[in-house]
């Protein structure tokens, strides 16, 4: 699927003190593509996503977003309020309660847990809530850091299907994960951080 580039990265580099984490990272991401970023722990996958999200200042290189690009970010932390229920968290992004419930159910969070404060939910249930937030954001670019953390096999499969659907509908994603993404060759691109 050929389309315009939603994101271009040129010669991006980052260091912590004297330690160079990565240098000269370059890639482009078009609508319909999912870029899987892999690499050993400490290779800079999370840092790269933070630089793309704009939550960490760039030291060198350029990140250029298309004017129509909108982003939804899922970091290591879920970005949900622990004292609010799953539904209350999602209603901050999508006021339609039915949409919130459907997103949670699609990801496998049973209705019995929708109204519980998130601090009472398991790590997997909290991750599902955070992933539902990304879905409801209506962004065309998803930046996902280890999205499969704490998920059961069924939820893992659902998230993979959601990524495929997002790309098919003209979205794109950058996904840092140790898990192999089971997406078709037309959709999936891979980059190894060393």
N, C-alpha and C. Protein backbone atom coordinates (compact mmCIF):
# COMPACT_ATOMS: atom_id res chain seq x y z
N UNK A 1 0.85 -1.18 0.00
CA UNK A 1 0.00 0.00 0.00
C UNK A 1 0.89 1.24 0.00
N UNK A 2 0.87 2.01 -1.07
CA UNK A 2 1.69 3.21 -1.14
C UNK A 2 0.86 4.41 -0.72
N UNK A 3 1.47 5.26 0.07
CA UNK A 3 0.75 6.42 0.55
C UNK A 3 1.75 7.47 0.99
N UNK A 4 1.26 8.59 1.44
CA UNK A 4 2.16 9.66 1.90
C UNK A 4 2.81 9.26 3.22
N UNK A 5 3.93 9.89 3.49
CA UNK A 5 4.61 9.64 4.75
C UNK A 5 3.97 10.44 5.87
N UNK A 6 3.62 9.76 6.94
CA UNK A 6 3.09 10.44 8.12
C UNK A 6 4.22 10.91 9.02
N UNK A 7 5.38 10.25 8.90
CA UNK A 7 6.51 10.53 9.78
C UNK A 7 7.82 10.28 9.03
N UNK A 8 8.77 11.23 9.18
CA UNK A 8 10.12 11.04 8.66
C UNK A 8 11.11 11.33 9.78
N UNK A 9 12.05 10.42 9.96
CA UNK A 9 13.09 10.56 10.98
C UNK A 9 14.43 10.53 10.27
N UNK A 10 15.27 11.53 10.55
CA UNK A 10 16.57 11.63 9.89
C UNK A 10 17.68 11.82 10.92
N UNK A 11 18.62 10.89 10.91
CA UNK A 11 19.86 10.99 11.70
C UNK A 11 19.61 11.29 13.18
N UNK A 12 18.63 10.65 13.74
CA UNK A 12 18.29 10.88 15.14
C UNK A 12 19.33 10.21 16.04
N UNK A 13 19.77 10.92 17.06
CA UNK A 13 20.73 10.37 18.00
C UNK A 13 20.39 10.78 19.41
N UNK A 14 20.85 9.97 20.37
CA UNK A 14 20.59 10.31 21.77
C UNK A 14 21.65 9.66 22.65
N UNK A 15 22.00 10.36 23.72
CA UNK A 15 22.96 9.83 24.68
C UNK A 15 22.50 10.15 26.09
N UNK A 16 22.99 9.38 27.02
CA UNK A 16 22.80 9.65 28.44
C UNK A 16 24.19 9.91 29.01
N UNK A 17 24.48 11.16 29.31
CA UNK A 17 25.82 11.51 29.75
C UNK A 17 26.80 11.23 28.63
N UNK A 18 27.87 10.49 28.93
CA UNK A 18 28.88 10.16 27.93
C UNK A 18 28.50 8.93 27.11
N UNK A 19 27.46 8.21 27.53
CA UNK A 19 27.08 6.97 26.84
C UNK A 19 26.15 7.27 25.66
N UNK A 20 26.60 6.97 24.46
CA UNK A 20 25.79 7.14 23.26
C UNK A 20 24.83 5.96 23.16
N UNK A 21 23.54 6.23 23.21
CA UNK A 21 22.53 5.15 23.16
C UNK A 21 22.32 4.71 21.71
N UNK A 22 22.07 5.67 20.84
CA UNK A 22 21.99 5.36 19.41
C UNK A 22 22.35 6.62 18.63
N UNK A 23 22.70 6.39 17.37
CA UNK A 23 23.10 7.50 16.51
C UNK A 23 22.64 7.23 15.08
N UNK A 24 22.31 8.29 14.37
CA UNK A 24 21.97 8.22 12.95
C UNK A 24 20.80 7.28 12.64
N UNK A 25 19.78 7.30 13.46
CA UNK A 25 18.57 6.51 13.19
C UNK A 25 17.72 7.27 12.18
N UNK A 26 17.41 6.62 11.08
CA UNK A 26 16.60 7.24 10.02
C UNK A 26 15.57 6.24 9.51
N UNK A 27 14.36 6.71 9.32
CA UNK A 27 13.31 5.89 8.70
C UNK A 27 12.13 6.79 8.36
N UNK A 28 11.25 6.28 7.54
CA UNK A 28 10.00 6.99 7.25
C UNK A 28 8.86 6.00 7.47
N UNK A 29 7.70 6.54 7.75
CA UNK A 29 6.53 5.71 8.04
C UNK A 29 5.35 6.26 7.25
N UNK A 30 4.81 5.41 6.39
CA UNK A 30 3.67 5.81 5.56
C UNK A 30 2.38 5.27 6.15
N UNK A 31 1.27 5.86 5.74
CA UNK A 31 -0.04 5.32 6.09
C UNK A 31 -0.10 3.88 5.62
N UNK A 32 -0.61 2.99 6.48
CA UNK A 32 -0.71 1.58 6.15
C UNK A 32 0.46 0.75 6.59
N UNK A 33 1.43 1.37 7.28
CA UNK A 33 2.62 0.64 7.72
C UNK A 33 2.70 0.54 9.24
N UNK A 34 3.28 -0.57 9.68
CA UNK A 34 3.59 -0.76 11.10
C UNK A 34 5.09 -1.05 11.17
N UNK A 35 5.81 -0.22 11.92
CA UNK A 35 7.24 -0.41 12.11
C UNK A 35 7.47 -1.08 13.45
N UNK A 36 8.01 -2.30 13.42
CA UNK A 36 8.35 -3.00 14.66
C UNK A 36 9.80 -2.68 15.00
N UNK A 37 10.01 -2.14 16.21
CA UNK A 37 11.35 -1.80 16.67
C UNK A 37 11.76 -2.83 17.71
N UNK A 38 12.85 -3.54 17.42
CA UNK A 38 13.35 -4.55 18.34
C UNK A 38 14.78 -4.21 18.75
N UNK A 39 15.29 -4.95 19.69
CA UNK A 39 16.66 -4.74 20.15
C UNK A 39 16.79 -5.16 21.59
N UNK A 40 18.02 -5.32 22.02
CA UNK A 40 18.28 -5.73 23.40
C UNK A 40 17.79 -4.64 24.36
N UNK A 41 17.63 -5.01 25.62
CA UNK A 41 17.28 -4.02 26.64
C UNK A 41 18.39 -2.97 26.71
N UNK A 42 17.99 -1.71 26.80
CA UNK A 42 18.97 -0.63 26.87
C UNK A 42 19.45 -0.13 25.52
N UNK A 43 18.88 -0.67 24.43
CA UNK A 43 19.32 -0.25 23.10
C UNK A 43 18.66 1.05 22.64
N UNK A 44 17.66 1.53 23.38
CA UNK A 44 17.06 2.83 23.06
C UNK A 44 15.67 2.79 22.47
N UNK A 45 14.99 1.65 22.55
CA UNK A 45 13.64 1.55 21.97
C UNK A 45 12.67 2.53 22.64
N UNK A 46 12.66 2.53 23.96
CA UNK A 46 11.76 3.43 24.70
C UNK A 46 12.16 4.88 24.47
N UNK A 47 13.44 5.16 24.48
CA UNK A 47 13.92 6.52 24.23
C UNK A 47 13.47 7.00 22.85
N UNK A 48 13.59 6.13 21.85
CA UNK A 48 13.15 6.49 20.50
C UNK A 48 11.68 6.88 20.50
N UNK A 49 10.84 6.08 21.14
CA UNK A 49 9.41 6.40 21.18
C UNK A 49 9.15 7.72 21.90
N UNK A 50 9.88 7.99 22.96
CA UNK A 50 9.71 9.26 23.68
C UNK A 50 10.13 10.45 22.82
N UNK A 51 11.18 10.27 22.04
CA UNK A 51 11.60 11.34 21.13
C UNK A 51 10.53 11.58 20.07
N UNK A 52 9.94 10.50 19.55
CA UNK A 52 8.88 10.64 18.54
C UNK A 52 7.64 11.30 19.13
N UNK A 53 7.33 10.94 20.37
CA UNK A 53 6.14 11.50 21.04
C UNK A 53 6.35 12.95 21.46
N UNK A 54 7.62 13.37 21.51
CA UNK A 54 7.92 14.74 21.93
C UNK A 54 7.99 14.91 23.43
N UNK A 55 8.07 13.82 24.18
CA UNK A 55 8.15 13.91 25.64
C UNK A 55 9.59 13.94 26.12
N UNK A 56 10.53 13.81 25.20
CA UNK A 56 11.96 13.91 25.51
C UNK A 56 12.57 14.80 24.43
N UNK A 57 13.41 15.77 24.83
CA UNK A 57 14.00 16.66 23.82
C UNK A 57 15.05 15.95 22.96
N UNK A 58 15.05 16.31 21.68
CA UNK A 58 16.02 15.73 20.74
C UNK A 58 17.39 16.38 20.93
N UNK A 59 18.42 15.56 20.84
CA UNK A 59 19.80 16.07 20.88
C UNK A 59 20.32 16.31 19.47
N UNK A 60 20.00 15.40 18.57
CA UNK A 60 20.46 15.56 17.19
C UNK A 60 19.47 14.87 16.26
N UNK A 61 19.46 15.33 15.02
CA UNK A 61 18.57 14.75 14.02
C UNK A 61 17.25 15.49 13.92
N UNK A 62 16.42 14.99 13.04
CA UNK A 62 15.14 15.63 12.76
C UNK A 62 14.00 14.62 12.81
N UNK A 63 12.88 15.07 13.35
CA UNK A 63 11.63 14.31 13.33
C UNK A 63 10.59 15.20 12.67
N UNK A 64 10.05 14.76 11.54
CA UNK A 64 9.08 15.56 10.81
C UNK A 64 7.77 14.80 10.71
N UNK A 65 6.72 15.41 11.25
CA UNK A 65 5.39 14.82 11.20
C UNK A 65 4.60 15.48 10.08
N UNK A 66 3.83 14.70 9.35
CA UNK A 66 2.90 15.24 8.37
C UNK A 66 1.88 16.11 9.10
N UNK A 67 1.43 17.14 8.44
CA UNK A 67 0.47 18.07 9.09
C UNK A 67 -0.83 17.39 9.48
N UNK A 68 -1.16 16.27 8.85
CA UNK A 68 -2.39 15.54 9.19
C UNK A 68 -2.17 14.42 10.20
N UNK A 69 -0.93 14.25 10.65
CA UNK A 69 -0.64 13.16 11.59
C UNK A 69 -1.12 13.52 12.99
N UNK A 70 -1.83 12.58 13.60
CA UNK A 70 -2.23 12.72 15.01
C UNK A 70 -1.72 11.48 15.73
N UNK A 71 -1.30 11.65 16.99
CA UNK A 71 -0.62 10.57 17.70
C UNK A 71 -1.36 10.13 18.94
N UNK A 72 -1.31 8.83 19.18
CA UNK A 72 -1.76 8.25 20.45
C UNK A 72 -0.57 7.45 20.97
N UNK A 73 -0.26 7.62 22.25
CA UNK A 73 0.95 7.04 22.83
C UNK A 73 0.60 6.10 23.97
N UNK A 74 1.25 4.93 23.95
CA UNK A 74 1.19 3.99 25.06
C UNK A 74 2.62 3.71 25.48
N UNK A 75 2.98 4.17 26.68
CA UNK A 75 4.32 3.96 27.18
C UNK A 75 4.41 2.74 28.08
N UNK A 76 5.54 2.62 28.77
CA UNK A 76 5.68 1.53 29.75
C UNK A 76 4.62 1.67 30.82
N UNK A 77 4.39 2.92 31.26
CA UNK A 77 3.29 3.18 32.20
C UNK A 77 2.02 3.32 31.39
N UNK A 78 0.91 2.96 31.99
CA UNK A 78 -0.35 2.89 31.24
C UNK A 78 -1.00 4.23 30.97
N UNK A 79 -0.65 5.25 31.72
CA UNK A 79 -1.25 6.55 31.47
C UNK A 79 -2.72 6.61 31.84
N UNK A 80 -3.10 5.85 32.86
CA UNK A 80 -4.48 5.89 33.35
C UNK A 80 -4.46 6.32 34.81
N UNK A 81 -5.57 6.87 35.26
CA UNK A 81 -5.68 7.32 36.65
C UNK A 81 -6.18 6.15 37.50
N UNK A 82 -5.37 5.77 38.48
CA UNK A 82 -5.64 4.57 39.28
C UNK A 82 -6.94 4.66 40.07
N UNK A 83 -7.32 5.87 40.51
CA UNK A 83 -8.52 6.01 41.34
C UNK A 83 -9.81 6.02 40.52
N UNK A 84 -9.69 6.19 39.21
CA UNK A 84 -10.87 6.17 38.34
C UNK A 84 -11.10 4.76 37.81
N UNK A 85 -12.33 4.47 37.44
CA UNK A 85 -12.64 3.17 36.84
C UNK A 85 -12.16 3.17 35.39
N UNK A 86 -12.17 2.00 34.78
CA UNK A 86 -11.80 1.90 33.37
C UNK A 86 -12.69 2.79 32.51
N UNK A 87 -13.99 2.73 32.75
CA UNK A 87 -14.95 3.55 31.99
C UNK A 87 -14.68 5.04 32.22
N UNK A 88 -14.43 5.44 33.45
CA UNK A 88 -14.16 6.86 33.73
C UNK A 88 -12.88 7.31 33.05
N UNK A 89 -11.85 6.47 33.05
CA UNK A 89 -10.62 6.81 32.35
C UNK A 89 -10.88 7.02 30.86
N UNK A 90 -11.62 6.12 30.26
CA UNK A 90 -11.85 6.21 28.82
C UNK A 90 -12.77 7.36 28.45
N UNK A 91 -13.67 7.72 29.35
CA UNK A 91 -14.60 8.81 29.04
C UNK A 91 -13.88 10.16 28.92
N UNK A 92 -12.63 10.22 29.37
CA UNK A 92 -11.82 11.42 29.18
C UNK A 92 -11.44 11.58 27.71
N UNK A 93 -11.48 10.48 26.95
CA UNK A 93 -11.08 10.49 25.54
C UNK A 93 -12.26 10.31 24.60
N UNK A 94 -13.29 9.64 25.07
CA UNK A 94 -14.47 9.38 24.24
C UNK A 94 -15.70 9.46 25.15
N UNK A 95 -16.43 10.56 25.10
CA UNK A 95 -17.55 10.74 26.02
C UNK A 95 -18.69 9.74 25.82
N UNK A 96 -18.73 9.06 24.67
CA UNK A 96 -19.77 8.08 24.41
C UNK A 96 -19.48 6.81 25.22
N UNK A 97 -20.26 6.59 26.26
CA UNK A 97 -20.04 5.46 27.17
C UNK A 97 -20.09 4.11 26.45
N UNK A 98 -20.96 4.01 25.47
CA UNK A 98 -21.08 2.74 24.74
C UNK A 98 -19.79 2.41 24.00
N UNK A 99 -19.17 3.42 23.37
CA UNK A 99 -17.89 3.21 22.67
C UNK A 99 -16.82 2.74 23.64
N UNK A 100 -16.82 3.32 24.84
CA UNK A 100 -15.85 2.94 25.87
C UNK A 100 -16.04 1.47 26.26
N UNK A 101 -17.28 1.08 26.48
CA UNK A 101 -17.58 -0.30 26.86
C UNK A 101 -17.19 -1.27 25.75
N UNK A 102 -17.51 -0.91 24.50
CA UNK A 102 -17.18 -1.78 23.37
C UNK A 102 -15.67 -1.96 23.23
N UNK A 103 -14.91 -0.89 23.42
CA UNK A 103 -13.45 -0.97 23.31
C UNK A 103 -12.89 -1.89 24.39
N UNK A 104 -13.40 -1.74 25.61
CA UNK A 104 -12.93 -2.60 26.70
C UNK A 104 -13.28 -4.06 26.46
N UNK A 105 -14.49 -4.31 26.01
CA UNK A 105 -14.92 -5.69 25.75
C UNK A 105 -14.15 -6.31 24.59
N UNK A 106 -13.86 -5.50 23.57
CA UNK A 106 -13.08 -6.00 22.44
C UNK A 106 -11.71 -6.48 22.91
N UNK A 107 -11.13 -5.77 23.86
CA UNK A 107 -9.81 -6.14 24.39
C UNK A 107 -9.90 -7.21 25.48
N UNK A 108 -11.11 -7.61 25.82
CA UNK A 108 -11.27 -8.73 26.75
C UNK A 108 -11.42 -8.33 28.21
N UNK A 109 -11.74 -7.08 28.48
CA UNK A 109 -11.99 -6.68 29.87
C UNK A 109 -13.48 -6.85 30.15
N UNK A 110 -13.81 -7.81 31.00
CA UNK A 110 -15.20 -8.16 31.26
C UNK A 110 -15.95 -6.99 31.91
N UNK A 111 -17.24 -6.93 31.65
CA UNK A 111 -18.07 -5.84 32.17
C UNK A 111 -18.00 -5.70 33.68
N UNK A 112 -17.81 -6.82 34.37
CA UNK A 112 -17.75 -6.78 35.84
C UNK A 112 -16.60 -5.89 36.33
N UNK A 113 -15.61 -5.65 35.47
CA UNK A 113 -14.45 -4.85 35.87
C UNK A 113 -14.50 -3.42 35.34
N UNK A 114 -15.48 -3.08 34.54
CA UNK A 114 -15.53 -1.75 33.93
C UNK A 114 -15.64 -0.62 34.94
N UNK A 115 -16.35 -0.87 36.06
CA UNK A 115 -16.62 0.21 37.01
C UNK A 115 -15.73 0.16 38.25
N UNK A 116 -14.82 -0.80 38.30
CA UNK A 116 -13.91 -0.89 39.45
C UNK A 116 -12.81 0.15 39.29
N UNK A 117 -12.34 0.74 40.40
CA UNK A 117 -11.18 1.63 40.29
C UNK A 117 -10.01 0.85 39.70
N UNK A 118 -9.23 1.50 38.85
CA UNK A 118 -8.16 0.78 38.14
C UNK A 118 -7.11 0.20 39.08
N UNK A 119 -6.95 0.79 40.27
CA UNK A 119 -5.97 0.21 41.20
C UNK A 119 -6.39 -1.18 41.67
N UNK A 120 -7.67 -1.53 41.50
CA UNK A 120 -8.15 -2.86 41.88
C UNK A 120 -8.02 -3.87 40.74
N UNK A 121 -7.62 -3.41 39.56
CA UNK A 121 -7.50 -4.30 38.41
C UNK A 121 -6.10 -4.91 38.35
N UNK A 122 -5.99 -6.06 37.71
CA UNK A 122 -4.69 -6.70 37.52
C UNK A 122 -3.87 -5.88 36.53
N UNK A 123 -2.59 -6.21 36.43
CA UNK A 123 -1.71 -5.51 35.48
C UNK A 123 -2.22 -5.69 34.05
N UNK A 124 -2.68 -6.89 33.72
CA UNK A 124 -3.21 -7.13 32.38
C UNK A 124 -4.49 -6.35 32.10
N UNK A 125 -5.36 -6.26 33.10
CA UNK A 125 -6.61 -5.50 32.94
C UNK A 125 -6.32 -4.01 32.79
N UNK A 126 -5.34 -3.51 33.52
CA UNK A 126 -4.96 -2.10 33.38
C UNK A 126 -4.36 -1.84 31.99
N UNK A 127 -3.57 -2.80 31.48
CA UNK A 127 -2.98 -2.64 30.15
C UNK A 127 -4.07 -2.62 29.09
N UNK A 128 -5.09 -3.45 29.26
CA UNK A 128 -6.21 -3.47 28.32
C UNK A 128 -6.93 -2.12 28.32
N UNK A 129 -7.09 -1.54 29.50
CA UNK A 129 -7.72 -0.22 29.60
C UNK A 129 -6.89 0.82 28.86
N UNK A 130 -5.57 0.76 29.04
CA UNK A 130 -4.67 1.71 28.37
C UNK A 130 -4.71 1.53 26.85
N UNK A 131 -4.79 0.29 26.39
CA UNK A 131 -4.88 0.03 24.95
C UNK A 131 -6.22 0.51 24.40
N UNK A 132 -7.28 0.36 25.17
CA UNK A 132 -8.59 0.88 24.75
C UNK A 132 -8.53 2.40 24.60
N UNK A 133 -7.77 3.05 25.47
CA UNK A 133 -7.59 4.52 25.37
C UNK A 133 -6.95 4.89 24.04
N UNK A 134 -5.93 4.14 23.63
CA UNK A 134 -5.27 4.40 22.34
C UNK A 134 -6.27 4.23 21.20
N UNK A 135 -7.06 3.16 21.25
CA UNK A 135 -8.06 2.91 20.21
C UNK A 135 -9.05 4.07 20.09
N UNK A 136 -9.49 4.57 21.23
CA UNK A 136 -10.53 5.59 21.24
C UNK A 136 -10.01 6.99 20.90
N UNK A 137 -8.70 7.16 20.90
CA UNK A 137 -8.11 8.48 20.65
C UNK A 137 -8.32 8.94 19.21
N UNK A 138 -8.66 8.02 18.32
CA UNK A 138 -8.90 8.34 16.90
C UNK A 138 -7.67 8.94 16.23
N UNK A 139 -6.48 8.60 16.71
CA UNK A 139 -5.24 9.08 16.12
C UNK A 139 -4.86 8.19 14.95
N UNK A 140 -4.20 8.76 13.95
CA UNK A 140 -3.80 7.91 12.82
C UNK A 140 -2.41 7.30 12.99
N UNK A 141 -1.66 7.74 14.00
CA UNK A 141 -0.36 7.11 14.30
C UNK A 141 -0.35 6.67 15.76
N UNK A 142 -0.08 5.39 15.96
CA UNK A 142 0.05 4.84 17.32
C UNK A 142 1.52 4.64 17.63
N UNK A 143 1.96 5.10 18.80
CA UNK A 143 3.31 4.87 19.29
C UNK A 143 3.18 3.97 20.51
N UNK A 144 3.57 2.71 20.37
CA UNK A 144 3.30 1.71 21.41
C UNK A 144 4.60 1.12 21.95
N UNK A 145 4.79 1.22 23.25
CA UNK A 145 5.98 0.67 23.90
C UNK A 145 5.59 -0.60 24.65
N UNK A 146 6.06 -1.73 24.15
CA UNK A 146 5.75 -3.04 24.74
C UNK A 146 4.25 -3.19 25.03
N UNK A 147 3.42 -3.11 24.01
CA UNK A 147 1.97 -3.15 24.22
C UNK A 147 1.45 -4.48 24.77
N UNK A 148 2.23 -5.56 24.60
CA UNK A 148 1.75 -6.88 25.01
C UNK A 148 2.08 -7.22 26.46
N UNK A 149 2.72 -6.31 27.17
CA UNK A 149 3.08 -6.55 28.56
C UNK A 149 1.85 -6.93 29.39
N UNK A 150 1.94 -8.04 30.10
CA UNK A 150 0.91 -8.53 31.02
C UNK A 150 -0.37 -9.01 30.34
N UNK A 151 -0.38 -9.10 29.02
CA UNK A 151 -1.59 -9.56 28.32
C UNK A 151 -1.60 -11.07 28.16
N UNK A 152 -2.80 -11.65 28.21
CA UNK A 152 -2.96 -13.07 27.93
C UNK A 152 -2.90 -13.29 26.42
N UNK A 153 -2.84 -14.55 26.00
CA UNK A 153 -2.68 -14.89 24.58
C UNK A 153 -3.82 -14.33 23.73
N UNK A 154 -5.02 -14.38 24.24
CA UNK A 154 -6.18 -13.89 23.47
C UNK A 154 -6.09 -12.39 23.25
N UNK A 155 -5.73 -11.64 24.29
CA UNK A 155 -5.59 -10.19 24.16
C UNK A 155 -4.43 -9.84 23.23
N UNK A 156 -3.36 -10.63 23.30
CA UNK A 156 -2.21 -10.44 22.41
C UNK A 156 -2.66 -10.54 20.95
N UNK A 157 -3.45 -11.56 20.67
CA UNK A 157 -3.98 -11.76 19.31
C UNK A 157 -4.89 -10.61 18.90
N UNK A 158 -5.73 -10.14 19.82
CA UNK A 158 -6.64 -9.04 19.53
C UNK A 158 -5.86 -7.77 19.20
N UNK A 159 -4.82 -7.47 19.97
CA UNK A 159 -4.03 -6.27 19.72
C UNK A 159 -3.36 -6.36 18.35
N UNK A 160 -2.87 -7.54 17.99
CA UNK A 160 -2.26 -7.74 16.67
C UNK A 160 -3.29 -7.48 15.57
N UNK A 161 -4.50 -7.99 15.77
CA UNK A 161 -5.58 -7.77 14.79
C UNK A 161 -5.94 -6.29 14.70
N UNK A 162 -5.93 -5.59 15.84
CA UNK A 162 -6.23 -4.16 15.84
C UNK A 162 -5.16 -3.37 15.09
N UNK A 163 -3.91 -3.77 15.25
CA UNK A 163 -2.82 -3.12 14.50
C UNK A 163 -3.02 -3.32 13.00
N UNK A 164 -3.36 -4.55 12.60
CA UNK A 164 -3.59 -4.84 11.18
C UNK A 164 -4.75 -4.01 10.65
N UNK A 165 -5.83 -3.92 11.40
CA UNK A 165 -7.01 -3.14 10.98
C UNK A 165 -6.68 -1.65 10.90
N UNK A 166 -5.93 -1.16 11.90
CA UNK A 166 -5.53 0.24 11.92
C UNK A 166 -4.73 0.58 10.66
N UNK A 167 -3.78 -0.28 10.30
CA UNK A 167 -2.97 -0.06 9.10
C UNK A 167 -3.82 -0.13 7.83
N UNK A 168 -4.72 -1.11 7.78
CA UNK A 168 -5.59 -1.28 6.61
C UNK A 168 -6.47 -0.06 6.39
N UNK A 169 -6.84 0.60 7.48
CA UNK A 169 -7.70 1.79 7.40
C UNK A 169 -6.89 3.07 7.21
N UNK A 170 -5.60 2.94 6.88
CA UNK A 170 -4.79 4.12 6.59
C UNK A 170 -4.02 4.67 7.77
N UNK A 171 -4.05 3.96 8.89
CA UNK A 171 -3.25 4.38 10.04
C UNK A 171 -1.85 3.82 9.95
N UNK A 172 -1.04 4.14 10.94
CA UNK A 172 0.33 3.64 11.00
C UNK A 172 0.69 3.48 12.47
N UNK A 173 1.78 2.75 12.72
CA UNK A 173 2.21 2.55 14.11
C UNK A 173 3.71 2.29 14.18
N UNK A 174 4.30 2.73 15.28
CA UNK A 174 5.66 2.35 15.64
C UNK A 174 5.51 1.56 16.93
N UNK A 175 5.96 0.31 16.91
CA UNK A 175 5.74 -0.60 18.03
C UNK A 175 7.08 -1.15 18.51
N UNK A 176 7.47 -0.78 19.72
CA UNK A 176 8.66 -1.35 20.34
C UNK A 176 8.23 -2.59 21.10
N UNK A 177 8.73 -3.75 20.69
CA UNK A 177 8.31 -4.99 21.35
C UNK A 177 9.32 -6.09 21.12
N UNK A 178 9.42 -6.98 22.09
CA UNK A 178 10.23 -8.18 21.96
C UNK A 178 9.42 -9.29 21.27
N UNK A 179 8.10 -9.14 21.26
CA UNK A 179 7.23 -10.13 20.65
C UNK A 179 7.19 -9.97 19.14
N UNK A 180 7.15 -11.07 18.44
CA UNK A 180 7.06 -11.03 16.98
C UNK A 180 5.66 -10.60 16.58
N UNK A 181 5.56 -9.59 15.72
CA UNK A 181 4.27 -9.15 15.22
C UNK A 181 3.88 -9.99 14.01
N UNK A 182 2.75 -10.62 14.09
CA UNK A 182 2.28 -11.48 13.01
C UNK A 182 1.42 -10.67 12.05
N UNK A 183 2.09 -9.84 11.24
CA UNK A 183 1.41 -9.00 10.26
C UNK A 183 1.93 -9.33 8.87
N UNK A 184 1.14 -9.04 7.83
CA UNK A 184 1.58 -9.38 6.48
C UNK A 184 2.77 -8.52 6.05
N UNK A 185 3.49 -9.00 5.06
CA UNK A 185 4.73 -8.36 4.61
C UNK A 185 4.49 -6.98 4.02
N UNK A 186 3.28 -6.71 3.53
CA UNK A 186 2.98 -5.39 2.97
C UNK A 186 2.80 -4.34 4.05
N UNK A 187 2.47 -4.79 5.25
CA UNK A 187 2.21 -3.89 6.36
C UNK A 187 3.43 -3.72 7.26
N UNK A 188 4.09 -4.82 7.56
CA UNK A 188 5.14 -4.83 8.59
C UNK A 188 6.51 -4.44 8.04
N UNK A 189 7.13 -3.50 8.75
CA UNK A 189 8.54 -3.17 8.53
C UNK A 189 9.24 -3.38 9.85
N UNK A 190 10.52 -3.66 9.79
CA UNK A 190 11.26 -3.95 11.02
C UNK A 190 12.53 -3.13 11.09
N UNK A 191 12.87 -2.74 12.33
CA UNK A 191 14.11 -2.01 12.59
C UNK A 191 14.69 -2.54 13.88
N UNK A 192 15.97 -2.89 13.84
CA UNK A 192 16.65 -3.42 15.03
C UNK A 192 17.55 -2.33 15.60
N UNK A 193 17.34 -2.01 16.88
CA UNK A 193 18.22 -1.07 17.58
C UNK A 193 19.38 -1.88 18.14
N UNK A 194 20.60 -1.43 17.90
CA UNK A 194 21.75 -2.21 18.40
C UNK A 194 22.56 -1.42 19.40
